[in-house]
Amino acid sequence: MHLVFIVARDWTLRAGVRAELREKGIDALGLESMDDLAMALAAGQTPTALMIEAGAEGTQTAAAAQLMRRFPSLFVASRADKFDLPAGVILLYRPVRVGEIVERVIEIVKGLPA
């Protein structure tokens, strides 16, 4: 089964995306920060993909960029903010529907080994 890490400070975004992914048969782990993501990796959990909200703590670090290069990633941000994202990261601008995020995550994990 695929596992997606959802890193978002906004708990309503995190919970909504997680719930819809689980409804679609994709396991999802909600995390508040990149530190939480690092702890999940250290505990042996390996995601198929990442969904990261720009407001989550630690998203603008070299370590975060390295993780976005390592795992297929989707990044949700405001148009007012500027981000230097690694090549290949899908960028969605707010306002965005939870359903749109879920659709893009499903596109990412389709065809990837679980």
N, C-alpha and C. Protein backbone atom coordinates (compact mmCIF):
# COMPACT_ATOMS: atom_id res chain seq x y z
N MET A 1 0.84 -1.18 0.00
CA MET A 1 0.00 0.00 0.00
C MET A 1 0.89 1.25 0.00
N HIS A 2 0.47 2.24 -0.75
CA HIS A 2 1.20 3.50 -0.78
C HIS A 2 1.04 4.24 0.54
N LEU A 3 2.06 4.99 0.92
CA LEU A 3 2.02 5.83 2.11
C LEU A 3 2.44 7.24 1.70
N VAL A 4 1.60 8.21 2.01
CA VAL A 4 1.90 9.60 1.70
C VAL A 4 2.05 10.36 3.01
N PHE A 5 3.13 11.10 3.13
CA PHE A 5 3.32 11.98 4.29
C PHE A 5 2.70 13.33 3.93
N ILE A 6 1.81 13.81 4.77
CA ILE A 6 1.16 15.10 4.58
C ILE A 6 1.71 16.03 5.65
N VAL A 7 2.53 16.98 5.25
CA VAL A 7 3.16 17.90 6.18
C VAL A 7 2.47 19.26 6.03
N ALA A 8 1.69 19.64 7.06
CA ALA A 8 0.95 20.89 6.99
C ALA A 8 0.69 21.43 8.39
N ARG A 9 0.93 22.71 8.55
CA ARG A 9 0.61 23.37 9.82
C ARG A 9 -0.90 23.49 9.97
N ASP A 10 -1.60 23.72 8.86
CA ASP A 10 -3.06 23.86 8.85
C ASP A 10 -3.70 22.49 9.07
N TRP A 11 -4.22 22.26 10.26
CA TRP A 11 -4.74 20.93 10.60
C TRP A 11 -5.95 20.57 9.75
N THR A 12 -6.74 21.55 9.31
CA THR A 12 -7.90 21.22 8.49
C THR A 12 -7.46 20.72 7.11
N LEU A 13 -6.42 21.31 6.57
CA LEU A 13 -5.87 20.84 5.30
C LEU A 13 -5.29 19.44 5.47
N ARG A 14 -4.50 19.27 6.51
CA ARG A 14 -3.85 17.98 6.79
C ARG A 14 -4.90 16.88 6.97
N ALA A 15 -5.92 17.15 7.77
CA ALA A 15 -6.95 16.14 8.06
C ALA A 15 -7.79 15.85 6.82
N GLY A 16 -8.14 16.88 6.06
CA GLY A 16 -8.95 16.68 4.87
C GLY A 16 -8.26 15.85 3.81
N VAL A 17 -7.00 16.19 3.54
CA VAL A 17 -6.23 15.44 2.53
C VAL A 17 -6.04 14.01 3.00
N ARG A 18 -5.70 13.84 4.26
CA ARG A 18 -5.48 12.49 4.82
C ARG A 18 -6.76 11.65 4.69
N ALA A 19 -7.89 12.21 5.07
CA ALA A 19 -9.15 11.46 5.02
C ALA A 19 -9.51 11.06 3.59
N GLU A 20 -9.37 11.99 2.64
CA GLU A 20 -9.72 11.66 1.26
C GLU A 20 -8.77 10.64 0.65
N LEU A 21 -7.48 10.74 0.97
CA LEU A 21 -6.54 9.74 0.46
C LEU A 21 -6.87 8.36 1.01
N ARG A 22 -7.20 8.29 2.29
CA ARG A 22 -7.54 7.00 2.89
C ARG A 22 -8.81 6.43 2.24
N GLU A 23 -9.77 7.30 1.90
CA GLU A 23 -10.98 6.85 1.20
C GLU A 23 -10.63 6.24 -0.16
N LYS A 24 -9.55 6.70 -0.76
CA LYS A 24 -9.12 6.22 -2.08
C LYS A 24 -8.17 5.03 -1.98
N GLY A 25 -7.94 4.53 -0.75
CA GLY A 25 -7.09 3.36 -0.56
C GLY A 25 -5.61 3.67 -0.45
N ILE A 26 -5.27 4.92 -0.16
CA ILE A 26 -3.87 5.31 0.01
C ILE A 26 -3.66 5.69 1.47
N ASP A 27 -2.73 5.03 2.13
CA ASP A 27 -2.45 5.34 3.52
C ASP A 27 -1.78 6.72 3.59
N ALA A 28 -2.10 7.48 4.60
CA ALA A 28 -1.56 8.83 4.72
C ALA A 28 -1.26 9.12 6.19
N LEU A 29 -0.14 9.78 6.42
CA LEU A 29 0.28 10.14 7.76
C LEU A 29 0.35 11.66 7.84
N GLY A 30 -0.42 12.26 8.73
CA GLY A 30 -0.43 13.70 8.90
C GLY A 30 0.66 14.14 9.87
N LEU A 31 1.45 15.13 9.45
CA LEU A 31 2.57 15.64 10.24
C LEU A 31 2.53 17.16 10.25
N GLU A 32 2.94 17.77 11.37
CA GLU A 32 2.88 19.22 11.49
C GLU A 32 4.13 19.93 10.99
N SER A 33 5.27 19.26 10.95
CA SER A 33 6.53 19.92 10.60
C SER A 33 7.47 18.95 9.89
N MET A 34 8.53 19.54 9.34
CA MET A 34 9.55 18.72 8.70
C MET A 34 10.31 17.90 9.75
N ASP A 35 10.38 18.40 10.98
CA ASP A 35 10.99 17.61 12.06
C ASP A 35 10.19 16.34 12.31
N ASP A 36 8.85 16.46 12.28
CA ASP A 36 8.01 15.28 12.45
C ASP A 36 8.24 14.29 11.31
N LEU A 37 8.43 14.82 10.10
CA LEU A 37 8.71 13.97 8.95
C LEU A 37 10.04 13.22 9.17
N ALA A 38 11.05 13.93 9.65
CA ALA A 38 12.35 13.30 9.90
C ALA A 38 12.22 12.20 10.96
N MET A 39 11.41 12.43 11.98
CA MET A 39 11.22 11.41 13.03
C MET A 39 10.50 10.19 12.47
N ALA A 40 9.53 10.39 11.57
CA ALA A 40 8.82 9.26 10.96
C ALA A 40 9.79 8.44 10.10
N LEU A 41 10.65 9.12 9.36
CA LEU A 41 11.66 8.41 8.57
C LEU A 41 12.62 7.63 9.47
N ALA A 42 13.04 8.26 10.57
CA ALA A 42 13.96 7.60 11.50
C ALA A 42 13.31 6.38 12.15
N ALA A 43 11.98 6.41 12.28
CA ALA A 43 11.25 5.29 12.87
C ALA A 43 11.02 4.16 11.86
N GLY A 44 11.50 4.36 10.63
CA GLY A 44 11.41 3.30 9.63
C GLY A 44 10.25 3.41 8.67
N GLN A 45 9.47 4.48 8.73
CA GLN A 45 8.37 4.66 7.79
C GLN A 45 8.93 5.31 6.52
N THR A 46 8.57 4.76 5.38
CA THR A 46 9.05 5.29 4.11
C THR A 46 7.87 5.66 3.23
N PRO A 47 7.74 6.94 2.88
CA PRO A 47 6.60 7.36 2.06
C PRO A 47 6.82 7.06 0.58
N THR A 48 5.72 6.94 -0.12
CA THR A 48 5.76 6.87 -1.57
C THR A 48 5.89 8.28 -2.12
N ALA A 49 5.24 9.25 -1.42
CA ALA A 49 5.25 10.64 -1.86
C ALA A 49 5.04 11.57 -0.67
N LEU A 50 5.31 12.86 -0.91
CA LEU A 50 5.14 13.89 0.11
C LEU A 50 4.17 14.95 -0.39
N MET A 51 3.33 15.46 0.51
CA MET A 51 2.53 16.65 0.25
C MET A 51 2.93 17.63 1.34
N ILE A 52 3.46 18.79 0.96
CA ILE A 52 3.99 19.74 1.93
C ILE A 52 3.32 21.09 1.76
N GLU A 53 2.86 21.65 2.87
CA GLU A 53 2.29 23.00 2.87
C GLU A 53 3.41 23.97 3.21
N ALA A 54 3.47 25.08 2.51
CA ALA A 54 4.54 26.06 2.71
C ALA A 54 4.60 26.58 4.14
N GLY A 55 3.48 26.64 4.83
CA GLY A 55 3.46 27.16 6.19
C GLY A 55 4.02 26.23 7.25
N ALA A 56 4.27 24.98 6.90
CA ALA A 56 4.79 24.03 7.88
C ALA A 56 6.22 24.39 8.24
N GLU A 57 6.55 24.21 9.51
CA GLU A 57 7.88 24.55 10.01
C GLU A 57 8.95 23.71 9.33
N GLY A 58 10.01 24.37 8.87
CA GLY A 58 11.16 23.68 8.30
C GLY A 58 11.10 23.44 6.81
N THR A 59 10.12 24.03 6.12
CA THR A 59 9.98 23.74 4.69
C THR A 59 11.02 24.46 3.83
N GLN A 60 11.67 25.47 4.36
CA GLN A 60 12.65 26.24 3.58
C GLN A 60 14.08 25.94 4.01
N THR A 61 14.38 24.68 4.23
CA THR A 61 15.71 24.28 4.65
C THR A 61 16.35 23.38 3.59
N ALA A 62 17.65 23.24 3.68
CA ALA A 62 18.35 22.35 2.74
C ALA A 62 17.88 20.91 2.94
N ALA A 63 17.60 20.53 4.18
CA ALA A 63 17.13 19.17 4.46
C ALA A 63 15.77 18.92 3.80
N ALA A 64 14.89 19.92 3.84
CA ALA A 64 13.58 19.78 3.20
C ALA A 64 13.74 19.63 1.69
N ALA A 65 14.61 20.43 1.11
CA ALA A 65 14.86 20.32 -0.34
C ALA A 65 15.40 18.95 -0.69
N GLN A 66 16.28 18.42 0.13
CA GLN A 66 16.83 17.09 -0.12
C GLN A 66 15.73 16.03 -0.08
N LEU A 67 14.81 16.14 0.88
CA LEU A 67 13.71 15.18 0.96
C LEU A 67 12.78 15.30 -0.24
N MET A 68 12.56 16.52 -0.73
CA MET A 68 11.70 16.71 -1.91
C MET A 68 12.37 16.19 -3.18
N ARG A 69 13.68 16.10 -3.18
CA ARG A 69 14.39 15.48 -4.32
C ARG A 69 14.33 13.96 -4.20
N ARG A 70 14.32 13.46 -2.97
CA ARG A 70 14.35 12.02 -2.72
C ARG A 70 12.99 11.35 -2.99
N PHE A 71 11.90 12.06 -2.64
CA PHE A 71 10.56 11.50 -2.80
C PHE A 71 9.74 12.40 -3.72
N PRO A 72 8.90 11.81 -4.57
CA PRO A 72 8.00 12.64 -5.38
C PRO A 72 7.20 13.55 -4.45
N SER A 73 7.13 14.84 -4.79
CA SER A 73 6.54 15.80 -3.86
C SER A 73 5.58 16.78 -4.53
N LEU A 74 4.61 17.20 -3.73
CA LEU A 74 3.67 18.23 -4.10
C LEU A 74 3.76 19.31 -3.02
N PHE A 75 3.86 20.57 -3.43
CA PHE A 75 4.06 21.69 -2.51
C PHE A 75 2.91 22.66 -2.68
N VAL A 76 2.24 23.02 -1.58
CA VAL A 76 1.11 23.95 -1.61
C VAL A 76 1.57 25.27 -0.99
N ALA A 77 1.41 26.37 -1.74
CA ALA A 77 1.92 27.66 -1.28
C ALA A 77 1.01 28.80 -1.73
N SER A 78 1.24 29.96 -1.15
CA SER A 78 0.58 31.19 -1.56
C SER A 78 1.34 31.78 -2.74
N ARG A 79 0.63 32.42 -3.64
CA ARG A 79 1.29 33.08 -4.77
C ARG A 79 2.16 34.24 -4.31
N ALA A 80 1.89 34.79 -3.15
CA ALA A 80 2.64 35.94 -2.64
C ALA A 80 4.05 35.55 -2.18
N ASP A 81 4.25 34.27 -1.87
CA ASP A 81 5.55 33.82 -1.38
C ASP A 81 6.39 33.27 -2.52
N LYS A 82 7.69 33.42 -2.39
CA LYS A 82 8.63 32.88 -3.38
C LYS A 82 9.37 31.70 -2.76
N PHE A 83 9.48 30.62 -3.51
CA PHE A 83 10.14 29.42 -3.03
C PHE A 83 11.10 28.90 -4.08
N ASP A 84 12.23 28.43 -3.62
CA ASP A 84 13.21 27.80 -4.49
C ASP A 84 13.06 26.30 -4.32
N LEU A 85 12.22 25.69 -5.17
CA LEU A 85 11.91 24.27 -5.04
C LEU A 85 12.78 23.45 -5.98
N PRO A 86 13.11 22.23 -5.57
CA PRO A 86 13.87 21.34 -6.45
C PRO A 86 13.07 21.01 -7.72
N ALA A 87 13.78 20.70 -8.77
CA ALA A 87 13.13 20.30 -10.04
C ALA A 87 12.23 19.10 -9.80
N GLY A 88 11.11 19.11 -10.47
CA GLY A 88 10.20 17.98 -10.38
C GLY A 88 9.13 18.10 -9.31
N VAL A 89 9.26 19.04 -8.39
CA VAL A 89 8.25 19.22 -7.35
C VAL A 89 7.04 19.91 -7.97
N ILE A 90 5.86 19.35 -7.74
CA ILE A 90 4.62 19.94 -8.25
C ILE A 90 4.22 21.05 -7.29
N LEU A 91 3.96 22.22 -7.84
CA LEU A 91 3.58 23.39 -7.04
C LEU A 91 2.13 23.74 -7.31
N LEU A 92 1.33 23.77 -6.24
CA LEU A 92 -0.07 24.21 -6.33
C LEU A 92 -0.20 25.47 -5.49
N TYR A 93 -0.89 26.46 -6.04
CA TYR A 93 -1.08 27.72 -5.33
C TYR A 93 -2.45 27.75 -4.65
N ARG A 94 -2.46 28.35 -3.45
CA ARG A 94 -3.72 28.62 -2.75
C ARG A 94 -4.44 29.74 -3.47
N PRO A 95 -5.75 29.76 -3.49
CA PRO A 95 -6.64 28.76 -2.89
C PRO A 95 -6.69 27.50 -3.76
N VAL A 96 -6.72 26.39 -3.09
CA VAL A 96 -6.77 25.10 -3.77
C VAL A 96 -7.73 24.20 -3.00
N ARG A 97 -8.46 23.40 -3.72
CA ARG A 97 -9.40 22.47 -3.09
C ARG A 97 -8.66 21.22 -2.63
N VAL A 98 -9.13 20.65 -1.53
CA VAL A 98 -8.57 19.39 -1.04
C VAL A 98 -8.65 18.33 -2.13
N GLY A 99 -9.77 18.30 -2.84
CA GLY A 99 -9.94 17.31 -3.91
C GLY A 99 -8.89 17.44 -4.99
N GLU A 100 -8.49 18.68 -5.31
CA GLU A 100 -7.46 18.89 -6.32
C GLU A 100 -6.11 18.36 -5.84
N ILE A 101 -5.81 18.60 -4.57
CA ILE A 101 -4.56 18.08 -4.00
C ILE A 101 -4.56 16.55 -4.07
N VAL A 102 -5.67 15.96 -3.66
CA VAL A 102 -5.78 14.49 -3.66
C VAL A 102 -5.62 13.94 -5.08
N GLU A 103 -6.25 14.58 -6.07
CA GLU A 103 -6.11 14.14 -7.46
C GLU A 103 -4.64 14.15 -7.90
N ARG A 104 -3.93 15.21 -7.56
CA ARG A 104 -2.52 15.32 -7.96
C ARG A 104 -1.66 14.28 -7.24
N VAL A 105 -1.95 14.02 -5.95
CA VAL A 105 -1.20 13.00 -5.21
C VAL A 105 -1.44 11.63 -5.85
N ILE A 106 -2.66 11.35 -6.22
CA ILE A 106 -2.97 10.07 -6.86
C ILE A 106 -2.21 9.94 -8.18
N GLU A 107 -2.13 11.03 -8.95
CA GLU A 107 -1.33 11.01 -10.18
C GLU A 107 0.13 10.69 -9.89
N ILE A 108 0.65 11.24 -8.80
CA ILE A 108 2.05 11.00 -8.43
C ILE A 108 2.29 9.53 -8.12
N VAL A 109 1.41 8.93 -7.30
CA VAL A 109 1.68 7.57 -6.84
C VAL A 109 1.28 6.49 -7.85
N LYS A 110 0.46 6.86 -8.83
CA LYS A 110 0.08 5.89 -9.87
C LYS A 110 1.33 5.37 -10.57
N GLY A 111 1.46 4.09 -10.62
CA GLY A 111 2.58 3.49 -11.32
C GLY A 111 3.84 3.35 -10.48
N LEU A 112 3.86 3.95 -9.29
CA LEU A 112 5.01 3.78 -8.41
C LEU A 112 4.83 2.53 -7.56
N PRO A 113 5.90 1.82 -7.25
CA PRO A 113 5.76 0.64 -6.41
C PRO A 113 5.30 1.04 -5.00
N ALA A 114 4.42 0.23 -4.44
CA ALA A 114 3.89 0.50 -3.09
C ALA A 114 4.88 0.06 -2.03
